Amino acid sequence: MATLSELREMSIEQMDAILKEACKDLFHLRIKAQTDRLDVPSELKRNRKLIAQIKTLKREREIAAAKEASAAS
């Protein structure tokens, strides 16, 4: 699990890969939670938090890029 400072240092491609993996893990955890008992129930919360952090950082970068583009023109 990557920390927020580690995520900030990553490229968009790296964040996309981690986001895809976290979404897949979250899906499997949800299925397992419905059918069985989870070993670590807090894992669901951690995955949701990681997904939200990655999406937030990606959006911040999009906004910063848009501001730079509008300032350049």
N, C-alpha and C. Protein backbone atom coordinates (compact mmCIF):
# COMPACT_ATOMS: atom_id res chain seq x y z
N MET A 1 0.85 -1.17 0.00
CA MET A 1 0.00 0.00 0.00
C MET A 1 0.90 1.23 0.00
N ALA A 2 0.68 2.09 -0.95
CA ALA A 2 1.50 3.29 -1.10
C ALA A 2 0.97 4.41 -0.21
N THR A 3 1.92 5.18 0.32
CA THR A 3 1.52 6.34 1.11
C THR A 3 1.24 7.50 0.18
N LEU A 4 0.66 8.54 0.71
CA LEU A 4 0.30 9.69 -0.09
C LEU A 4 1.53 10.35 -0.70
N SER A 5 2.61 10.46 0.07
CA SER A 5 3.83 11.08 -0.46
C SER A 5 4.42 10.22 -1.58
N GLU A 6 4.34 8.91 -1.46
CA GLU A 6 4.81 8.02 -2.53
C GLU A 6 3.95 8.17 -3.77
N LEU A 7 2.65 8.32 -3.58
CA LEU A 7 1.75 8.50 -4.72
C LEU A 7 2.04 9.80 -5.45
N ARG A 8 2.34 10.86 -4.72
CA ARG A 8 2.63 12.15 -5.34
C ARG A 8 3.86 12.09 -6.24
N GLU A 9 4.81 11.23 -5.92
CA GLU A 9 6.03 11.11 -6.71
C GLU A 9 5.86 10.24 -7.95
N MET A 10 4.77 9.52 -8.04
CA MET A 10 4.55 8.60 -9.15
C MET A 10 4.06 9.32 -10.39
N SER A 11 4.31 8.67 -11.53
CA SER A 11 3.78 9.19 -12.79
C SER A 11 2.31 8.78 -12.93
N ILE A 12 1.64 9.37 -13.89
CA ILE A 12 0.23 9.04 -14.13
C ILE A 12 0.08 7.56 -14.49
N GLU A 13 1.01 7.03 -15.29
CA GLU A 13 0.93 5.64 -15.70
C GLU A 13 1.05 4.70 -14.50
N GLN A 14 1.95 5.03 -13.58
CA GLN A 14 2.10 4.21 -12.39
C GLN A 14 0.86 4.27 -11.52
N MET A 15 0.28 5.47 -11.39
CA MET A 15 -0.94 5.60 -10.60
C MET A 15 -2.09 4.85 -11.24
N ASP A 16 -2.15 4.88 -12.58
CA ASP A 16 -3.21 4.13 -13.27
C ASP A 16 -3.10 2.64 -13.00
N ALA A 17 -1.87 2.13 -12.99
CA ALA A 17 -1.67 0.71 -12.74
C ALA A 17 -2.09 0.35 -11.31
N ILE A 18 -1.72 1.18 -10.35
CA ILE A 18 -2.10 0.92 -8.96
C ILE A 18 -3.62 1.05 -8.79
N LEU A 19 -4.21 2.03 -9.46
CA LEU A 19 -5.66 2.23 -9.39
C LEU A 19 -6.40 1.02 -9.95
N LYS A 20 -5.94 0.51 -11.08
CA LYS A 20 -6.57 -0.66 -11.69
C LYS A 20 -6.49 -1.87 -10.76
N GLU A 21 -5.32 -2.06 -10.16
CA GLU A 21 -5.13 -3.19 -9.24
C GLU A 21 -6.00 -3.03 -7.98
N ALA A 22 -6.07 -1.80 -7.46
CA ALA A 22 -6.87 -1.55 -6.26
C ALA A 22 -8.36 -1.77 -6.54
N CYS A 23 -8.81 -1.36 -7.71
CA CYS A 23 -10.23 -1.58 -8.07
C CYS A 23 -10.53 -3.07 -8.18
N LYS A 24 -9.59 -3.81 -8.77
CA LYS A 24 -9.78 -5.26 -8.90
C LYS A 24 -9.80 -5.92 -7.51
N ASP A 25 -8.88 -5.49 -6.65
CA ASP A 25 -8.84 -6.03 -5.28
C ASP A 25 -10.12 -5.70 -4.53
N LEU A 26 -10.61 -4.48 -4.68
CA LEU A 26 -11.84 -4.07 -4.00
C LEU A 26 -13.01 -4.92 -4.47
N PHE A 27 -13.08 -5.18 -5.76
CA PHE A 27 -14.15 -6.03 -6.29
C PHE A 27 -14.10 -7.42 -5.65
N HIS A 28 -12.90 -8.00 -5.62
CA HIS A 28 -12.77 -9.34 -5.05
C HIS A 28 -13.08 -9.35 -3.55
N LEU A 29 -12.68 -8.30 -2.86
CA LEU A 29 -12.98 -8.22 -1.42
C LEU A 29 -14.48 -8.10 -1.18
N ARG A 30 -15.16 -7.33 -2.02
CA ARG A 30 -16.62 -7.20 -1.87
C ARG A 30 -17.31 -8.53 -2.10
N ILE A 31 -16.87 -9.25 -3.12
CA ILE A 31 -17.45 -10.57 -3.40
C ILE A 31 -17.19 -11.50 -2.23
N LYS A 32 -15.96 -11.49 -1.73
CA LYS A 32 -15.61 -12.36 -0.61
C LYS A 32 -16.40 -11.98 0.64
N ALA A 33 -16.63 -10.70 0.84
CA ALA A 33 -17.38 -10.25 2.01
C ALA A 33 -18.83 -10.74 1.94
N GLN A 34 -19.37 -10.84 0.74
CA GLN A 34 -20.74 -11.32 0.60
C GLN A 34 -20.85 -12.82 0.77
N THR A 35 -19.83 -13.55 0.33
CA THR A 35 -19.92 -15.00 0.37
C THR A 35 -19.30 -15.61 1.62
N ASP A 36 -18.18 -15.04 2.06
CA ASP A 36 -17.46 -15.56 3.23
C ASP A 36 -17.26 -14.43 4.22
N ARG A 37 -16.48 -14.77 5.20
CA ARG A 37 -16.07 -13.77 6.18
C ARG A 37 -14.68 -13.29 5.82
N LEU A 38 -14.47 -11.98 5.85
CA LEU A 38 -13.16 -11.43 5.53
C LEU A 38 -12.20 -11.64 6.70
N ASP A 39 -10.95 -11.93 6.37
CA ASP A 39 -9.92 -12.07 7.40
C ASP A 39 -9.64 -10.71 8.04
N VAL A 40 -9.54 -9.69 7.19
CA VAL A 40 -9.25 -8.34 7.65
C VAL A 40 -10.31 -7.40 7.07
N PRO A 41 -11.39 -7.14 7.80
CA PRO A 41 -12.46 -6.29 7.27
C PRO A 41 -12.02 -4.86 6.95
N SER A 42 -10.98 -4.39 7.62
CA SER A 42 -10.53 -3.02 7.36
C SER A 42 -9.87 -2.88 5.99
N GLU A 43 -9.58 -3.99 5.34
CA GLU A 43 -8.97 -3.96 4.01
C GLU A 43 -9.90 -3.27 3.00
N LEU A 44 -11.21 -3.43 3.15
CA LEU A 44 -12.16 -2.75 2.29
C LEU A 44 -12.00 -1.24 2.39
N LYS A 45 -11.92 -0.75 3.62
CA LYS A 45 -11.77 0.68 3.85
C LYS A 45 -10.45 1.19 3.27
N ARG A 46 -9.38 0.44 3.48
CA ARG A 46 -8.07 0.85 2.97
C ARG A 46 -8.06 0.94 1.45
N ASN A 47 -8.70 -0.03 0.79
CA ASN A 47 -8.75 0.00 -0.67
C ASN A 47 -9.57 1.18 -1.18
N ARG A 48 -10.71 1.43 -0.55
CA ARG A 48 -11.52 2.58 -0.96
C ARG A 48 -10.75 3.88 -0.77
N LYS A 49 -10.02 3.99 0.32
CA LYS A 49 -9.24 5.20 0.60
C LYS A 49 -8.13 5.37 -0.44
N LEU A 50 -7.45 4.28 -0.78
CA LEU A 50 -6.38 4.34 -1.78
C LEU A 50 -6.93 4.79 -3.13
N ILE A 51 -8.07 4.24 -3.52
CA ILE A 51 -8.69 4.61 -4.79
C ILE A 51 -9.05 6.10 -4.79
N ALA A 52 -9.62 6.58 -3.70
CA ALA A 52 -9.98 7.99 -3.60
C ALA A 52 -8.74 8.89 -3.65
N GLN A 53 -7.67 8.49 -2.99
CA GLN A 53 -6.45 9.29 -3.01
C GLN A 53 -5.87 9.38 -4.42
N ILE A 54 -5.83 8.27 -5.12
CA ILE A 54 -5.28 8.27 -6.47
C ILE A 54 -6.13 9.14 -7.39
N LYS A 55 -7.45 8.99 -7.31
CA LYS A 55 -8.32 9.79 -8.16
C LYS A 55 -8.19 11.28 -7.85
N THR A 56 -8.03 11.61 -6.59
CA THR A 56 -7.86 13.01 -6.19
C THR A 56 -6.56 13.57 -6.74
N LEU A 57 -5.48 12.83 -6.62
CA LEU A 57 -4.19 13.29 -7.14
C LEU A 57 -4.22 13.46 -8.65
N LYS A 58 -4.87 12.52 -9.34
CA LYS A 58 -4.97 12.64 -10.79
C LYS A 58 -5.76 13.89 -11.18
N ARG A 59 -6.83 14.16 -10.46
CA ARG A 59 -7.64 15.35 -10.74
C ARG A 59 -6.87 16.63 -10.45
N GLU A 60 -6.09 16.64 -9.36
CA GLU A 60 -5.27 17.81 -9.04
C GLU A 60 -4.29 18.09 -10.17
N ARG A 61 -3.70 17.04 -10.72
CA ARG A 61 -2.75 17.22 -11.83
C ARG A 61 -3.45 17.72 -13.08
N GLU A 62 -4.66 17.24 -13.34
CA GLU A 62 -5.43 17.72 -14.49
C GLU A 62 -5.73 19.21 -14.35
N ILE A 63 -6.13 19.62 -13.17
CA ILE A 63 -6.45 21.03 -12.93
C ILE A 63 -5.21 21.89 -13.09
N ALA A 64 -4.08 21.42 -12.55
CA ALA A 64 -2.83 22.18 -12.67
C ALA A 64 -2.41 22.30 -14.12
N ALA A 65 -2.56 21.24 -14.89
CA ALA A 65 -2.20 21.28 -16.31
C ALA A 65 -3.10 22.23 -17.08
N ALA A 66 -4.39 22.24 -16.72
CA ALA A 66 -5.33 23.16 -17.39
C ALA A 66 -5.00 24.61 -17.07
N LYS A 67 -4.62 24.88 -15.83
CA LYS A 67 -4.23 26.24 -15.45
C LYS A 67 -2.99 26.68 -16.19
N GLU A 68 -2.01 25.79 -16.32
CA GLU A 68 -0.79 26.11 -17.05
C GLU A 68 -1.08 26.38 -18.52
N ALA A 69 -1.98 25.59 -19.08
CA ALA A 69 -2.32 25.76 -20.49
C ALA A 69 -3.05 27.08 -20.71
N SER A 70 -3.95 27.44 -19.81
CA SER A 70 -4.68 28.70 -19.96
C SER A 70 -3.78 29.89 -19.69
N ALA A 71 -2.80 29.74 -18.81
CA ALA A 71 -1.87 30.84 -18.51
C ALA A 71 -0.90 31.04 -19.67
N ALA A 72 -0.58 29.97 -20.37
CA ALA A 72 0.36 30.07 -21.50
C ALA A 72 -0.28 30.73 -22.71
N SER A 73 -1.59 30.63 -22.83
CA SER A 73 -2.25 31.20 -24.01
C SER A 73 -2.84 32.54 -23.75
